[in-house]
Structures are given as C-alpha cells and as structure tokens.
Amino acid sequence: MSSENIKIVRDYFNAVANGDLAKLPELLSDTLVWHQPGSSDLSGTYNGRDAVFGLIGKFMERSHGTFKFDSIGKILANGEHVAVTLQFSGKTDRKSMSMAGVDILRIENGKIQEVWLFSEDQAAEDAFWTVG
C-alpha cells in the first residue's frame, strides 16, 4: 500500500511540474481538503478540488506564473500518509521567495484526500503572497 501511495504522490508532483492539468483529477479527490498555512489572505482550509484549483490559480496569478517546485526530494510513506521534502520558488517584479518545505498528503481510495503544507520560513512566504 505504501508503494502505491508513493506512486500517486510522485505522479501528482510530475503532473504539476509538467503542467498536465488533465492528469490531476485522476489523482485528487473531488472532496480534497487543503490546509494552506500562514496568515496571508490565501491561508486557510480549502474544501473541494475546485476550491484548491482556485487557490493554485491565485498562486500563479500573484507570482506572474513563476510559482514552481524547484526540486522534489524524499518521498516517504507511512500507511495512508506520504511526506515529501521539496524546494519551491516564485517571483514578481518586486519580490521573490525560494525555500524548503514539507508536504504531507493523505491518500484515500487511491486519490489524494488531504494535504498539509509546511514552509521553511512561513513569514517570508506570507509576505510573498500578500498583495501590495
């Protein structure tokens, strides 16, 4: 089971990295719950795949299309939970961010059901996403 969950998560990150939006519905539950950390106006819990797609759209809008995963490190599974170390970045004409993070994903019925995100510097990430 753990190796299947690692494959689902690896496929998710590959789809995001390659802009393969058609693949994401195969990997993300319709009832996905996404916990966006921090204190920016984008922080909070997003319920449903469409709400999460809206959040990711705001990431791309606010980063002028530059938000990306620079590298995916270790992918480790413990039952239904998968942890991923990664490096992510984004920039605009006035600000930039580049930092390490850890994503924890819960797999249920072969799809990503819940996601928790952790940033190396949450205050810097909040400042990047804040408009103004």
C-alpha atoms as a PDB file:
ATOM      1  CA  MET A   1       0.000   0.000   0.000  1.00  0.00           C
ATOM      2  CA  SER A   2       2.757   2.470   0.869  1.00  0.00           C
ATOM      3  CA  SER A   3       4.466   1.992  -2.518  1.00  0.00           C
ATOM      4  CA  GLU A   4       1.137   2.632  -4.292  1.00  0.00           C
ATOM      5  CA  ASN A   5       0.668   5.828  -2.268  1.00  0.00           C
ATOM      6  CA  ILE A   6       4.198   6.981  -3.115  1.00  0.00           C
ATOM      7  CA  LYS A   7       3.419   6.432  -6.809  1.00  0.00           C
ATOM      8  CA  ILE A   8       0.221   8.527  -6.543  1.00  0.00           C
ATOM      9  CA  VAL A   9       2.140  11.376  -4.912  1.00  0.00           C
ATOM     10  CA  ARG A  10       5.031  11.122  -7.388  1.00  0.00           C
ATOM     11  CA  ASP A  11       2.511  11.218 -10.270  1.00  0.00           C
ATOM     12  CA  TYR A  12       0.885  14.304  -8.709  1.00  0.00           C
ATOM     13  CA  PHE A  13       4.167  16.234  -8.474  1.00  0.00           C
ATOM     14  CA  ASN A  14       5.127  15.183 -12.016  1.00  0.00           C
ATOM     15  CA  ALA A  15       1.763  16.367 -13.337  1.00  0.00           C
ATOM     16  CA  VAL A  16       2.111  19.730 -11.592  1.00  0.00           C
ATOM     17  CA  ALA A  17       5.715  20.159 -12.776  1.00  0.00           C
ATOM     18  CA  ASN A  18       4.740  19.338 -16.364  1.00  0.00           C
ATOM     19  CA  GLY A  19       1.541  21.417 -16.363  1.00  0.00           C
ATOM     20  CA  ASP A  20      -0.517  18.278 -17.009  1.00  0.00           C
ATOM     21  CA  LEU A  21      -3.794  19.609 -15.609  1.00  0.00           C
ATOM     22  CA  ALA A  22      -5.770  16.808 -17.277  1.00  0.00           C
ATOM     23  CA  LYS A  23      -3.989  14.260 -15.045  1.00  0.00           C
ATOM     24  CA  LEU A  24      -4.841  15.997 -11.752  1.00  0.00           C
ATOM     25  CA  PRO A  25      -8.490  14.835 -11.492  1.00  0.00           C
ATOM     26  CA  GLU A  26      -7.207  11.234 -11.585  1.00  0.00           C
ATOM     27  CA  LEU A  27      -5.012  11.953  -8.567  1.00  0.00           C
ATOM     28  CA  LEU A  28      -7.014  14.425  -6.451  1.00  0.00           C
ATOM     29  CA  SER A  29     -10.253  13.543  -4.692  1.00  0.00           C
ATOM     30  CA  ASP A  30     -13.336  15.629  -5.503  1.00  0.00           C
ATOM     31  CA  THR A  31     -13.592  16.233  -1.745  1.00  0.00           C
ATOM     32  CA  LEU A  32      -9.922  17.180  -1.300  1.00  0.00           C
ATOM     33  CA  VAL A  33      -9.120  19.167   1.869  1.00  0.00           C
ATOM     34  CA  TRP A  34      -6.109  21.512   1.565  1.00  0.00           C
ATOM     35  CA  HIS A  35      -4.584  23.212   4.607  1.00  0.00           C
ATOM     36  CA  GLN A  36      -2.754  26.355   3.432  1.00  0.00           C
ATOM     37  CA  PRO A  37      -0.644  27.592   6.350  1.00  0.00           C
ATOM     38  CA  GLY A  38       0.212  31.088   7.412  1.00  0.00           C
ATOM     39  CA  SER A  39      -1.566  34.365   7.901  1.00  0.00           C
ATOM     40  CA  SER A  40      -1.906  35.750   4.380  1.00  0.00           C
ATOM     41  CA  ASP A  41      -5.286  36.210   2.741  1.00  0.00           C
ATOM     42  CA  LEU A  42      -4.637  32.898   0.926  1.00  0.00           C
ATOM     43  CA  SER A  43      -4.163  30.973   4.190  1.00  0.00           C
ATOM     44  CA  GLY A  44      -6.878  28.672   5.458  1.00  0.00           C
ATOM     45  CA  THR A  45      -8.592  25.395   4.726  1.00  0.00           C
ATOM     46  CA  TYR A  46      -9.886  24.800   1.211  1.00  0.00           C
ATOM     47  CA  ASN A  47     -12.582  22.186   0.730  1.00  0.00           C
ATOM     48  CA  GLY A  48     -13.064  20.501  -2.621  1.00  0.00           C
ATOM     49  CA  ARG A  49     -10.845  20.059  -5.653  1.00  0.00           C
ATOM     50  CA  ASP A  50     -12.323  23.123  -7.389  1.00  0.00           C
ATOM     51  CA  ALA A  51     -11.515  25.362  -4.407  1.00  0.00           C
ATOM     52  CA  VAL A  52      -7.935  24.073  -4.419  1.00  0.00           C
ATOM     53  CA  PHE A  53      -7.631  24.707  -8.168  1.00  0.00           C
ATOM     54  CA  GLY A  54      -8.809  28.263  -7.468  1.00  0.00           C
ATOM     55  CA  LEU A  55      -6.083  28.665  -4.833  1.00  0.00           C
ATOM     56  CA  ILE A  56      -3.416  27.378  -7.197  1.00  0.00           C
ATOM     57  CA  GLY A  57      -4.706  29.804  -9.817  1.00  0.00           C
ATOM     58  CA  LYS A  58      -4.156  32.640  -7.325  1.00  0.00           C
ATOM     59  CA  PHE A  59      -0.611  31.368  -6.696  1.00  0.00           C
ATOM     60  CA  MET A  60       0.066  31.574 -10.420  1.00  0.00           C
ATOM     61  CA  GLU A  61      -1.586  34.978 -10.758  1.00  0.00           C
ATOM     62  CA  ARG A  62       0.279  36.533  -7.839  1.00  0.00           C
ATOM     63  CA  SER A  63       3.622  35.029  -8.890  1.00  0.00           C
ATOM     64  CA  HIS A  64       3.127  36.105 -12.512  1.00  0.00           C
ATOM     65  CA  GLY A  65       3.180  32.436 -13.490  1.00  0.00           C
ATOM     66  CA  THR A  66       6.538  31.739 -11.850  1.00  0.00           C
ATOM     67  CA  PHE A  67       5.485  29.638  -8.828  1.00  0.00           C
ATOM     68  CA  LYS A  68       7.081  26.201  -9.164  1.00  0.00           C
ATOM     69  CA  PHE A  69       8.653  23.261  -7.426  1.00  0.00           C
ATOM     70  CA  ASP A  70      12.391  23.612  -7.987  1.00  0.00           C
ATOM     71  CA  SER A  71      13.079  20.125  -6.716  1.00  0.00           C
ATOM     72  CA  ILE A  72      11.300  17.193  -5.129  1.00  0.00           C
ATOM     73  CA  GLY A  73      13.383  15.385  -2.545  1.00  0.00           C
ATOM     74  CA  LYS A  74      12.488  12.363  -0.478  1.00  0.00           C
ATOM     75  CA  ILE A  75       9.023  10.827  -0.732  1.00  0.00           C
ATOM     76  CA  LEU A  76       8.294   8.740   2.371  1.00  0.00           C
ATOM     77  CA  ALA A  77       5.154   6.814   3.219  1.00  0.00           C
ATOM     78  CA  ASN A  78       3.623   5.571   6.442  1.00  0.00           C
ATOM     79  CA  GLY A  79       0.343   3.892   5.582  1.00  0.00           C
ATOM     80  CA  GLU A  80      -2.063   6.423   4.132  1.00  0.00           C
ATOM     81  CA  HIS A  81       0.259   9.380   4.831  1.00  0.00           C
ATOM     82  CA  VAL A  82       3.040  10.450   2.482  1.00  0.00           C
ATOM     83  CA  ALA A  83       5.655  13.096   3.335  1.00  0.00           C
ATOM     84  CA  VAL A  84       7.576  14.948   0.640  1.00  0.00           C
ATOM     85  CA  THR A  85      10.570  17.243   1.033  1.00  0.00           C
ATOM     86  CA  LEU A  86      10.772  19.913  -1.631  1.00  0.00           C
ATOM     87  CA  GLN A  87      12.125  23.278  -2.685  1.00  0.00           C
ATOM     88  CA  PHE A  88       9.732  25.852  -4.167  1.00  0.00           C
ATOM     89  CA  SER A  89      10.001  29.372  -5.504  1.00  0.00           C
ATOM     90  CA  GLY A  90       8.248  32.268  -7.148  1.00  0.00           C
ATOM     91  CA  LYS A  91       8.992  35.836  -8.123  1.00  0.00           C
ATOM     92  CA  THR A  92       7.403  39.032  -9.271  1.00  0.00           C
ATOM     93  CA  ASP A  93       8.940  42.280 -10.421  1.00  0.00           C
ATOM     94  CA  ARG A  94       9.148  43.437  -6.767  1.00  0.00           C
ATOM     95  CA  LYS A  95       9.695  40.338  -4.624  1.00  0.00           C
ATOM     96  CA  SER A  96      10.799  36.730  -4.662  1.00  0.00           C
ATOM     97  CA  MET A  97      10.864  33.641  -2.488  1.00  0.00           C
ATOM     98  CA  SER A  98      12.767  30.393  -2.568  1.00  0.00           C
ATOM     99  CA  MET A  99      12.599  27.969   0.317  1.00  0.00           C
ATOM    100  CA  ALA A 100      12.363  24.406   1.505  1.00  0.00           C
ATOM    101  CA  GLY A 101       9.112  22.817   2.506  1.00  0.00           C
ATOM    102  CA  VAL A 102       7.475  19.597   3.517  1.00  0.00           C
ATOM    103  CA  ASP A 103       4.105  18.466   2.217  1.00  0.00           C
ATOM    104  CA  ILE A 104       2.113  15.770   3.995  1.00  0.00           C
ATOM    105  CA  LEU A 105      -0.540  14.115   1.853  1.00  0.00           C
ATOM    106  CA  ARG A 106      -3.196  11.632   2.960  1.00  0.00           C
ATOM    107  CA  ILE A 107      -4.268   9.070   0.389  1.00  0.00           C
ATOM    108  CA  GLU A 108      -7.741   7.567   0.468  1.00  0.00           C
ATOM    109  CA  ASN A 109      -9.243   5.221  -2.125  1.00  0.00           C
ATOM    110  CA  GLY A 110      -6.309   5.777  -4.486  1.00  0.00           C
ATOM    111  CA  LYS A 111      -6.540   9.582  -4.512  1.00  0.00           C
ATOM    112  CA  ILE A 112      -5.048  12.463  -2.574  1.00  0.00           C
ATOM    113  CA  GLN A 113      -7.696  13.346   0.017  1.00  0.00           C
ATOM    114  CA  GLU A 114      -5.943  15.810   2.321  1.00  0.00           C
ATOM    115  CA  VAL A 115      -2.823  17.988   2.151  1.00  0.00           C
ATOM    116  CA  TRP A 116      -0.875  19.850   4.847  1.00  0.00           C
ATOM    117  CA  LEU A 117       1.948  22.214   3.847  1.00  0.00           C
ATOM    118  CA  PHE A 118       4.960  23.335   5.895  1.00  0.00           C
ATOM    119  CA  SER A 119       7.360  26.096   4.856  1.00  0.00           C
ATOM    120  CA  GLU A 120      10.901  26.797   5.934  1.00  0.00           C
ATOM    121  CA  ASP A 121      10.011  30.468   6.527  1.00  0.00           C
ATOM    122  CA  GLN A 122       6.259  30.970   6.837  1.00  0.00           C
ATOM    123  CA  ALA A 123       6.550  34.720   7.449  1.00  0.00           C
ATOM    124  CA  ALA A 124       8.516  35.166   4.206  1.00  0.00           C
ATOM    125  CA  GLU A 125       6.009  33.042   2.314  1.00  0.00           C
ATOM    126  CA  ASP A 126       3.117  35.082   3.738  1.00  0.00           C
ATOM    127  CA  ALA A 127       4.870  38.299   2.684  1.00  0.00           C
ATOM    128  CA  PHE A 128       5.319  36.956  -0.834  1.00  0.00           C
ATOM    129  CA  TRP A 129       1.640  36.023  -1.272  1.00  0.00           C
ATOM    130  CA  THR A 130       0.361  39.280   0.240  1.00  0.00           C
ATOM    131  CA  VAL A 131      -0.716  41.751  -2.428  1.00  0.00           C
ATOM    132  CA  GLY A 132       0.769  45.203  -2.101  1.00  0.00           C
END
